[in-house]
């Protein structure tokens, strides 16, 4: 038997390590590979041959790994270029030197493009090494799956913060608005999910071009009706010309994407400048939504772990390469019954696409989302995993890249 390698890429999530744990545990139960290596710092570390032996983690270590947020192997934002063939050659060299048959790559859109590119290169050059993708993202913007591991826990956390800050805001009678900002990049899934609380008055999403006059008119109406206005915006909210409300649009995250943040502050200033109210409050969830393991969704943890196991088990087939495992899309959101089904699809169908929040689920005039959208979200945030605590906080595993 040969070995396998697992690496993580892009922004971490609260359950990305559950998928890593799934691969490790699956190999302990069914040792398809002699060793399970972890690639430190994603593809960047693999290129440098930085590997860590994960094969014999104990049961307790795996349990703690499942509840450890962030990327326990370390991560990177390194995009492979199909023109830079020396990177491909170096990765294959590292795999050959360590007798690695399969590379499992846990990541988002660009990471699935890496799986696709490596698979194509290997096939074109008659190389037998294989590549398999395991999805993750709090943005939930990957096609063609129903949802991605990491999103549900981020949504659960966002809903808890929205409800708590709504109650805090509602305790005062001062004339001000409250604006909360979620992550999500160019897709509004995470921001939209906060409507589960019933507390959101106005919702600003990237999928609908921002109309300042219409928005301000709605703010006035809500304030007249309720005496307060709680607003949620996605970081990727934009104007008709495509420019972002946020001030960070000129920065780059390493994958060629705009580095966002600041939409909530921009909305607050727009409201204050209009003279509707003299002040406003801003809450930016930012990285807290992807690193708060105390708010993990039990469904999310279980699916992330099972997708790791699924990727491992499917890889026992020597023809399994250039694939990504995922959750089968649902077609009926009229029922509360939920039973995730897993499948595998070509990595090319995941790479370089953005799955936007459906326009038909967005109510007009920034007034939230439809009942069908809420039915989509509800089962995903259900339940809380049983966490292992020490000193009053959930235990975490020391990151492998810091050992």
Protein backbone atom coordinates (compact mmCIF):
# COMPACT_ATOMS: atom_id res chain seq x y z
CA UNK A 1 0.00 0.00 0.00
CA UNK A 2 1.04 3.58 -0.60
CA UNK A 3 0.31 6.65 1.50
CA UNK A 4 -2.12 9.56 1.29
CA UNK A 5 -1.73 13.27 1.95
CA UNK A 6 -4.28 15.79 3.29
CA UNK A 7 -3.88 19.58 3.06
CA UNK A 8 -6.09 22.57 3.83
CA UNK A 9 -6.40 25.84 1.94
CA UNK A 10 -8.10 29.22 2.05
CA UNK A 11 -10.11 30.70 4.91
CA UNK A 12 -10.60 28.32 7.85
CA UNK A 13 -13.98 27.29 9.26
CA UNK A 14 -15.26 25.95 12.56
CA UNK A 15 -15.44 22.41 11.12
CA UNK A 16 -12.65 22.18 8.54
CA UNK A 17 -10.71 19.92 10.91
CA UNK A 18 -13.68 17.56 11.18
CA UNK A 19 -13.12 16.68 7.51
CA UNK A 20 -9.43 16.11 8.25
CA UNK A 21 -10.42 13.91 11.19
CA UNK A 22 -12.76 11.97 8.88
CA UNK A 23 -9.93 11.05 6.52
CA UNK A 24 -7.68 9.98 9.40
CA UNK A 25 -10.37 7.95 11.15
CA UNK A 26 -11.53 6.29 7.94
CA UNK A 27 -8.00 5.06 7.31
CA UNK A 28 -7.76 3.72 10.86
CA UNK A 29 -10.97 1.75 10.33
CA UNK A 30 -10.06 0.66 6.81
CA UNK A 31 -6.29 1.10 6.22
CA UNK A 32 -6.29 1.75 2.50
CA UNK A 33 -3.02 3.64 3.03
CA UNK A 34 0.03 2.87 5.17
CA UNK A 35 0.33 6.46 6.34
CA UNK A 36 -1.83 9.56 6.39
CA UNK A 37 0.34 12.64 6.01
CA UNK A 38 -0.78 16.22 6.59
CA UNK A 39 0.59 18.94 4.32
CA UNK A 40 1.54 21.94 6.45
CA UNK A 41 0.40 25.35 5.16
CA UNK A 42 -1.56 23.94 2.24
CA UNK A 43 -0.05 23.61 -1.21
CA UNK A 44 2.72 26.02 -0.24
CA UNK A 45 3.92 23.58 2.40
CA UNK A 46 3.54 20.61 0.08
CA UNK A 47 5.75 22.37 -2.45
CA UNK A 48 8.38 22.63 0.29
CA UNK A 49 7.92 19.02 1.38
CA UNK A 50 6.57 19.97 4.80
CA UNK A 51 4.61 16.90 5.89
CA UNK A 52 3.35 15.67 9.27
CA UNK A 53 2.43 12.07 10.09
CA UNK A 54 -1.21 11.90 11.26
CA UNK A 55 -1.70 8.16 10.91
CA UNK A 56 -1.90 7.14 14.56
CA UNK A 57 -3.78 9.95 16.26
CA UNK A 58 -5.63 8.62 19.30
CA UNK A 59 -9.40 8.55 19.59
CA UNK A 60 -9.31 11.48 22.02
CA UNK A 61 -7.06 13.47 19.68
CA UNK A 62 -9.48 12.89 16.83
CA UNK A 63 -12.43 13.98 18.99
CA UNK A 64 -10.60 17.16 19.97
CA UNK A 65 -9.49 17.73 16.36
CA UNK A 66 -13.15 17.64 15.29
CA UNK A 67 -13.99 20.50 17.66
CA UNK A 68 -10.85 22.55 16.95
CA UNK A 69 -11.60 25.56 14.71
CA UNK A 70 -9.23 27.04 12.15
CA UNK A 71 -6.88 24.93 10.03
CA UNK A 72 -4.94 22.54 12.26
CA UNK A 73 -2.46 21.93 9.45
CA UNK A 74 -2.08 25.59 8.63
CA UNK A 75 -3.45 27.13 5.46
CA UNK A 76 -2.42 29.28 2.52
CA UNK A 77 -3.81 31.37 -0.31
CA UNK A 78 -1.67 30.07 -3.13
CA UNK A 79 -3.30 29.66 -6.52
CA UNK A 80 -1.68 27.18 -8.88
CA UNK A 81 -1.32 28.45 -12.42
CA UNK A 82 -1.75 25.98 -15.25
CA UNK A 83 1.09 27.77 -17.00
CA UNK A 84 3.49 27.35 -14.08
CA UNK A 85 4.21 23.66 -14.64
CA UNK A 86 7.19 23.61 -12.28
CA UNK A 87 4.71 23.70 -9.36
CA UNK A 88 2.92 20.65 -10.73
CA UNK A 89 6.18 18.83 -11.22
CA UNK A 90 7.34 19.65 -7.69
CA UNK A 91 4.09 18.44 -6.10
CA UNK A 92 4.30 15.17 -8.00
CA UNK A 93 7.94 14.85 -6.96
CA UNK A 94 7.02 15.26 -3.27
CA UNK A 95 4.28 12.66 -3.68
CA UNK A 96 6.66 10.23 -5.36
CA UNK A 97 9.38 10.73 -2.74
CA UNK A 98 6.90 9.93 0.04
CA UNK A 99 5.05 7.16 -1.83
CA UNK A 100 1.84 9.19 -1.78
CA UNK A 101 -0.91 7.87 -4.04
CA UNK A 102 -3.64 10.43 -3.30
CA UNK A 103 -3.75 14.09 -2.24
CA UNK A 104 -6.96 15.14 -0.47
CA UNK A 105 -7.38 18.92 -0.64
CA UNK A 106 -9.84 20.58 1.74
CA UNK A 107 -10.85 24.03 0.57
CA UNK A 108 -13.15 26.31 -1.37
CA UNK A 109 -13.59 27.39 -4.96
CA UNK A 110 -9.94 27.98 -5.79
CA UNK A 111 -8.84 24.83 -3.97
CA UNK A 112 -11.19 22.76 -6.11
CA UNK A 113 -9.58 24.40 -9.14
CA UNK A 114 -6.25 23.14 -7.77
CA UNK A 115 -7.67 19.60 -7.63
CA UNK A 116 -8.90 19.93 -11.20
CA UNK A 117 -5.61 21.37 -12.49
CA UNK A 118 -3.45 18.73 -10.80
CA UNK A 119 -5.69 15.93 -12.07
CA UNK A 120 -5.52 17.26 -15.62
CA UNK A 121 -1.74 17.60 -15.47
CA UNK A 122 -1.27 14.09 -14.08
CA UNK A 123 -3.53 12.58 -16.77
CA UNK A 124 -1.83 14.51 -19.56
CA UNK A 125 1.59 13.32 -18.43
CA UNK A 126 0.72 9.70 -17.72
CA UNK A 127 1.18 10.06 -13.96
CA UNK A 128 -0.82 7.74 -11.68
CA UNK A 129 -1.00 10.12 -8.67
CA UNK A 130 -4.55 11.13 -7.80
CA UNK A 131 -6.30 14.21 -6.40
CA UNK A 132 -9.58 14.50 -4.49
CA UNK A 133 -11.40 17.59 -3.19
CA UNK A 134 -13.29 18.01 0.08
CA UNK A 135 -15.27 21.28 0.12
CA UNK A 136 -15.37 23.89 2.86
CA UNK A 137 -16.44 27.53 3.04
CA UNK A 138 -18.47 29.75 5.34
CA UNK A 139 -19.61 31.61 2.21
CA UNK A 140 -21.61 28.62 0.89
CA UNK A 141 -20.81 29.74 -2.64
CA UNK A 142 -19.70 26.43 -4.19
CA UNK A 143 -21.68 24.78 -6.97
CA UNK A 144 -23.20 22.26 -7.51
CA UNK A 145 -23.71 21.05 -3.91
CA UNK A 146 -26.63 21.79 -1.56
CA UNK A 147 -24.31 23.46 0.96
CA UNK A 148 -20.72 23.34 2.17
CA UNK A 149 -19.22 22.29 5.50
CA UNK A 150 -18.45 25.37 7.55
CA UNK A 151 -21.45 27.37 6.42
CA UNK A 152 -23.97 25.96 8.88
CA UNK A 153 -21.78 26.62 11.93
CA UNK A 154 -21.05 30.16 10.72
CA UNK A 155 -24.81 30.66 10.23
CA UNK A 156 -25.57 29.32 13.71
CA UNK A 157 -23.02 31.69 15.23
CA UNK A 158 -24.29 34.64 13.17
CA UNK A 159 -27.87 34.01 14.29
CA UNK A 160 -26.84 33.88 17.94
CA UNK A 161 -24.95 37.16 17.65
CA UNK A 162 -27.79 38.82 15.73
CA UNK A 163 -30.36 37.86 18.34
CA UNK A 164 -28.14 38.87 21.27
CA UNK A 165 -27.19 42.23 19.79
CA UNK A 166 -30.80 42.84 18.76
CA UNK A 167 -31.91 42.43 22.37
CA UNK A 168 -29.12 44.75 23.53
CA UNK A 169 -30.04 47.34 20.89
CA UNK A 170 -33.75 47.09 21.71
CA UNK A 171 -33.13 47.94 25.36
CA UNK A 172 -32.41 51.59 24.47
CA UNK A 173 -34.62 54.36 23.15
CA UNK A 174 -31.82 56.39 21.58
CA UNK A 175 -32.38 57.37 17.92
CA UNK A 176 -29.86 55.15 16.14
CA UNK A 177 -29.65 52.25 13.70
CA UNK A 178 -27.79 48.98 14.20
CA UNK A 179 -25.86 47.47 11.28
CA UNK A 180 -24.29 44.00 11.41
CA UNK A 181 -21.93 42.73 8.72
CA UNK A 182 -21.29 39.10 7.81
CA UNK A 183 -18.71 37.46 5.57
CA UNK A 184 -19.82 35.87 2.31
CA UNK A 185 -17.81 37.60 -0.40
CA UNK A 186 -20.03 37.86 -3.51
CA UNK A 187 -22.78 35.56 -2.22
CA UNK A 188 -25.36 36.51 0.40
CA UNK A 189 -26.02 33.11 2.00
CA UNK A 190 -24.58 33.90 5.42
CA UNK A 191 -26.22 37.30 5.74
CA UNK A 192 -29.54 35.88 4.54
CA UNK A 193 -29.42 33.09 7.13
CA UNK A 194 -29.70 35.63 9.96
CA UNK A 195 -33.34 36.13 9.03
CA UNK A 196 -33.98 32.92 10.98
CA UNK A 197 -33.92 35.09 14.12
CA UNK A 198 -36.93 37.14 13.09
CA UNK A 199 -34.99 40.21 14.28
CA UNK A 200 -33.69 41.54 10.96
CA UNK A 201 -35.58 44.57 9.65
CA UNK A 202 -33.55 45.21 6.48
CA UNK A 203 -31.21 42.89 4.59
CA UNK A 204 -28.61 44.07 2.06
CA UNK A 205 -27.19 41.33 -0.19
CA UNK A 206 -24.66 41.30 -3.07
CA UNK A 207 -27.23 39.70 -5.38
CA UNK A 208 -29.32 42.90 -5.54
CA UNK A 209 -27.63 46.14 -6.63
CA UNK A 210 -27.70 48.66 -3.80
CA UNK A 211 -30.16 51.50 -4.35
CA UNK A 212 -29.33 54.18 -1.80
CA UNK A 213 -32.55 56.16 -2.06
CA UNK A 214 -34.74 53.05 -1.80
CA UNK A 215 -32.70 51.82 1.15
CA UNK A 216 -32.96 55.12 3.01
CA UNK A 217 -36.70 55.24 2.36
CA UNK A 218 -37.04 51.78 3.94
CA UNK A 219 -34.93 52.85 6.93
CA UNK A 220 -37.30 55.79 7.48
CA UNK A 221 -40.35 53.54 7.25
CA UNK A 222 -38.99 50.98 9.70
CA UNK A 223 -38.00 53.67 12.20
CA UNK A 224 -41.47 55.24 11.94
CA UNK A 225 -43.12 51.83 12.44
CA UNK A 226 -40.90 50.44 15.21
CA UNK A 227 -38.71 53.22 16.57
CA UNK A 228 -35.62 51.16 15.71
CA UNK A 229 -34.03 49.53 12.67
CA UNK A 230 -31.78 46.46 12.74
CA UNK A 231 -29.89 46.00 9.46
CA UNK A 232 -27.78 43.05 8.26
CA UNK A 233 -25.45 43.38 5.30
CA UNK A 234 -23.11 41.02 3.52
CA UNK A 235 -19.52 42.21 3.06
CA UNK A 236 -19.96 41.95 -0.72
CA UNK A 237 -22.86 44.42 -1.01
CA UNK A 238 -22.34 46.51 -4.13
CA UNK A 239 -23.73 49.28 -6.29
CA UNK A 240 -25.19 48.88 -9.77
CA UNK A 241 -21.79 49.52 -11.37
CA UNK A 242 -20.28 46.61 -9.42
CA UNK A 243 -18.28 48.71 -6.96
CA UNK A 244 -18.39 47.57 -3.35
CA UNK A 245 -19.87 49.57 -0.50
CA UNK A 246 -16.82 48.61 1.54
CA UNK A 247 -13.60 50.58 1.53
CA UNK A 248 -11.32 47.54 1.17
CA UNK A 249 -12.14 46.77 -2.44
CA UNK A 250 -8.64 47.60 -3.74
CA UNK A 251 -6.89 44.97 -1.65
CA UNK A 252 -6.19 41.42 -2.81
CA UNK A 253 -6.39 38.16 -0.84
CA UNK A 254 -3.76 36.23 -2.82
CA UNK A 255 -6.29 34.39 -4.98
CA UNK A 256 -7.07 37.49 -7.05
CA UNK A 257 -10.23 38.33 -5.09
CA UNK A 258 -11.05 41.70 -3.55
CA UNK A 259 -10.41 41.71 0.20
CA UNK A 260 -13.70 42.90 1.63
CA UNK A 261 -14.85 44.44 4.88
CA UNK A 262 -16.49 47.72 5.82
CA UNK A 263 -19.95 47.46 4.25
CA UNK A 264 -21.68 47.93 7.62
CA UNK A 265 -19.66 51.05 8.42
CA UNK A 266 -20.49 52.43 4.97
CA UNK A 267 -24.21 51.85 5.50
CA UNK A 268 -24.09 53.48 8.91
CA UNK A 269 -22.44 56.59 7.42
CA UNK A 270 -24.99 56.70 4.59
CA UNK A 271 -27.84 56.69 7.13
CA UNK A 272 -26.22 59.33 9.35
CA UNK A 273 -25.37 61.56 6.39
CA UNK A 274 -29.04 61.44 5.34
CA UNK A 275 -30.04 63.00 8.66
CA UNK A 276 -32.52 60.21 9.50
CA UNK A 277 -30.77 59.50 12.83
CA UNK A 278 -27.73 61.12 14.43
CA UNK A 279 -25.79 57.92 15.12
CA UNK A 280 -25.51 54.23 14.45
CA UNK A 281 -23.93 51.07 15.81
CA UNK A 282 -21.81 48.59 13.82
CA UNK A 283 -21.07 44.92 14.55
CA UNK A 284 -18.65 43.12 12.22
CA UNK A 285 -18.65 39.34 12.63
CA UNK A 286 -15.61 38.90 10.39
CA UNK A 287 -13.42 35.95 11.43
CA UNK A 288 -15.40 35.21 14.58
CA UNK A 289 -18.05 33.49 12.43
CA UNK A 290 -15.54 30.93 11.21
CA UNK A 291 -13.56 30.33 14.40
CA UNK A 292 -16.20 30.03 17.14
CA UNK A 293 -16.34 26.32 17.87
CA UNK A 294 -18.66 26.83 20.84
CA UNK A 295 -21.37 27.60 18.29
CA UNK A 296 -20.79 24.61 16.00
CA UNK A 297 -23.83 23.08 14.34
CA UNK A 298 -24.11 19.37 15.11
CA UNK A 299 -25.29 18.77 11.55
CA UNK A 300 -22.28 20.67 10.21
CA UNK A 301 -19.73 18.74 12.27
CA UNK A 302 -21.26 15.39 11.35
CA UNK A 303 -21.37 16.19 7.62
CA UNK A 304 -17.82 17.56 7.55
CA UNK A 305 -16.55 14.40 9.24
CA UNK A 306 -18.59 12.11 7.00
CA UNK A 307 -17.42 13.89 3.84
CA UNK A 308 -13.82 13.29 4.93
CA UNK A 309 -14.64 9.62 5.42
CA UNK A 310 -16.50 9.51 2.11
CA UNK A 311 -13.52 10.97 0.23
CA UNK A 312 -11.22 8.38 1.77
CA UNK A 313 -13.53 5.44 1.08
CA UNK A 314 -14.17 6.46 -2.53
CA UNK A 315 -10.44 6.84 -3.11
CA UNK A 316 -10.03 3.07 -2.58
CA UNK A 317 -11.11 2.88 -6.22
CA UNK A 318 -7.90 3.45 -8.22
CA UNK A 319 -9.92 5.26 -10.89
CA UNK A 320 -11.21 7.87 -8.43
CA UNK A 321 -9.42 11.15 -9.17
CA UNK A 322 -10.29 14.71 -10.16
CA UNK A 323 -13.43 14.45 -8.05
CA UNK A 324 -14.99 16.44 -5.20
CA UNK A 325 -17.30 14.91 -2.60
CA UNK A 326 -20.35 16.88 -1.51
CA UNK A 327 -23.93 16.98 -0.27
CA UNK A 328 -26.59 16.19 -2.88
CA UNK A 329 -28.74 19.28 -3.63
CA UNK A 330 -32.22 19.27 -2.18
CA UNK A 331 -35.22 20.01 -4.38
CA UNK A 332 -38.01 20.27 -1.80
CA UNK A 333 -37.79 22.87 0.97
CA UNK A 334 -41.42 22.63 2.05
CA UNK A 335 -40.72 20.02 4.72
CA UNK A 336 -38.61 19.96 7.87
CA UNK A 337 -37.41 16.43 7.09
CA UNK A 338 -33.71 16.41 6.38
CA UNK A 339 -31.43 13.55 5.48
CA UNK A 340 -28.20 14.50 3.74
CA UNK A 341 -27.06 12.35 0.85
CA UNK A 342 -23.43 12.37 -0.31
CA UNK A 343 -22.04 12.05 -3.83
CA UNK A 344 -18.98 12.89 -5.89
CA UNK A 345 -18.73 15.14 -8.92
CA UNK A 346 -15.99 16.29 -11.29
CA UNK A 347 -13.78 19.00 -9.77
CA UNK A 348 -14.21 21.06 -12.94
CA UNK A 349 -17.86 21.62 -11.99
CA UNK A 350 -16.81 23.24 -8.70
CA UNK A 351 -13.89 25.33 -9.89
CA UNK A 352 -14.20 29.04 -10.72
CA UNK A 353 -17.95 29.31 -10.27
CA UNK A 354 -19.90 31.34 -7.68
CA UNK A 355 -23.21 30.06 -6.34
CA UNK A 356 -25.28 33.12 -5.56
CA UNK A 357 -28.18 33.28 -3.14
CA UNK A 358 -31.34 32.73 -5.26
CA UNK A 359 -33.02 35.95 -6.34
CA UNK A 360 -36.42 34.31 -5.97
CA UNK A 361 -35.73 33.89 -2.25
CA UNK A 362 -35.09 37.61 -1.71
CA UNK A 363 -38.00 39.82 -0.68
CA UNK A 364 -38.29 43.26 -2.29
CA UNK A 365 -37.29 46.51 -0.57
CA UNK A 366 -34.60 44.86 1.58
CA UNK A 367 -37.29 43.20 3.70
CA UNK A 368 -35.60 39.80 4.15
CA UNK A 369 -36.10 36.38 2.59
CA UNK A 370 -38.93 34.01 1.74
CA UNK A 371 -40.22 31.12 3.81
CA UNK A 372 -38.63 28.69 1.36
CA UNK A 373 -35.24 30.21 2.15
CA UNK A 374 -35.86 29.80 5.88
CA UNK A 375 -36.83 26.16 5.30
CA UNK A 376 -33.52 25.69 3.51
CA UNK A 377 -31.57 27.09 6.46
CA UNK A 378 -33.46 25.57 9.42
CA UNK A 379 -32.20 21.96 9.41
CA UNK A 380 -28.59 22.99 8.81
CA UNK A 381 -28.19 24.86 12.11
CA UNK A 382 -29.81 22.16 14.23
CA UNK A 383 -28.18 20.67 17.31
CA UNK A 384 -24.98 21.18 19.23
CA UNK A 385 -22.14 18.64 19.35
CA UNK A 386 -20.99 17.38 22.74
CA UNK A 387 -17.80 19.33 23.32
CA UNK A 388 -14.86 18.42 25.54
CA UNK A 389 -14.16 21.29 27.95
CA UNK A 390 -11.20 22.27 30.12
CA UNK A 391 -11.08 25.37 32.33
CA UNK A 392 -14.52 26.34 31.10
CA UNK A 393 -13.72 26.51 27.39
CA UNK A 394 -13.70 23.91 24.59
CA UNK A 395 -10.38 22.07 24.32
CA UNK A 396 -8.44 22.51 21.08
CA UNK A 397 -5.59 20.56 19.56
CA UNK A 398 -2.24 22.26 19.20
CA UNK A 399 -1.94 23.06 15.46
CA UNK A 400 0.36 20.63 13.67
CA UNK A 401 2.07 23.50 11.83
CA UNK A 402 3.04 24.99 15.22
CA UNK A 403 4.65 21.87 16.66
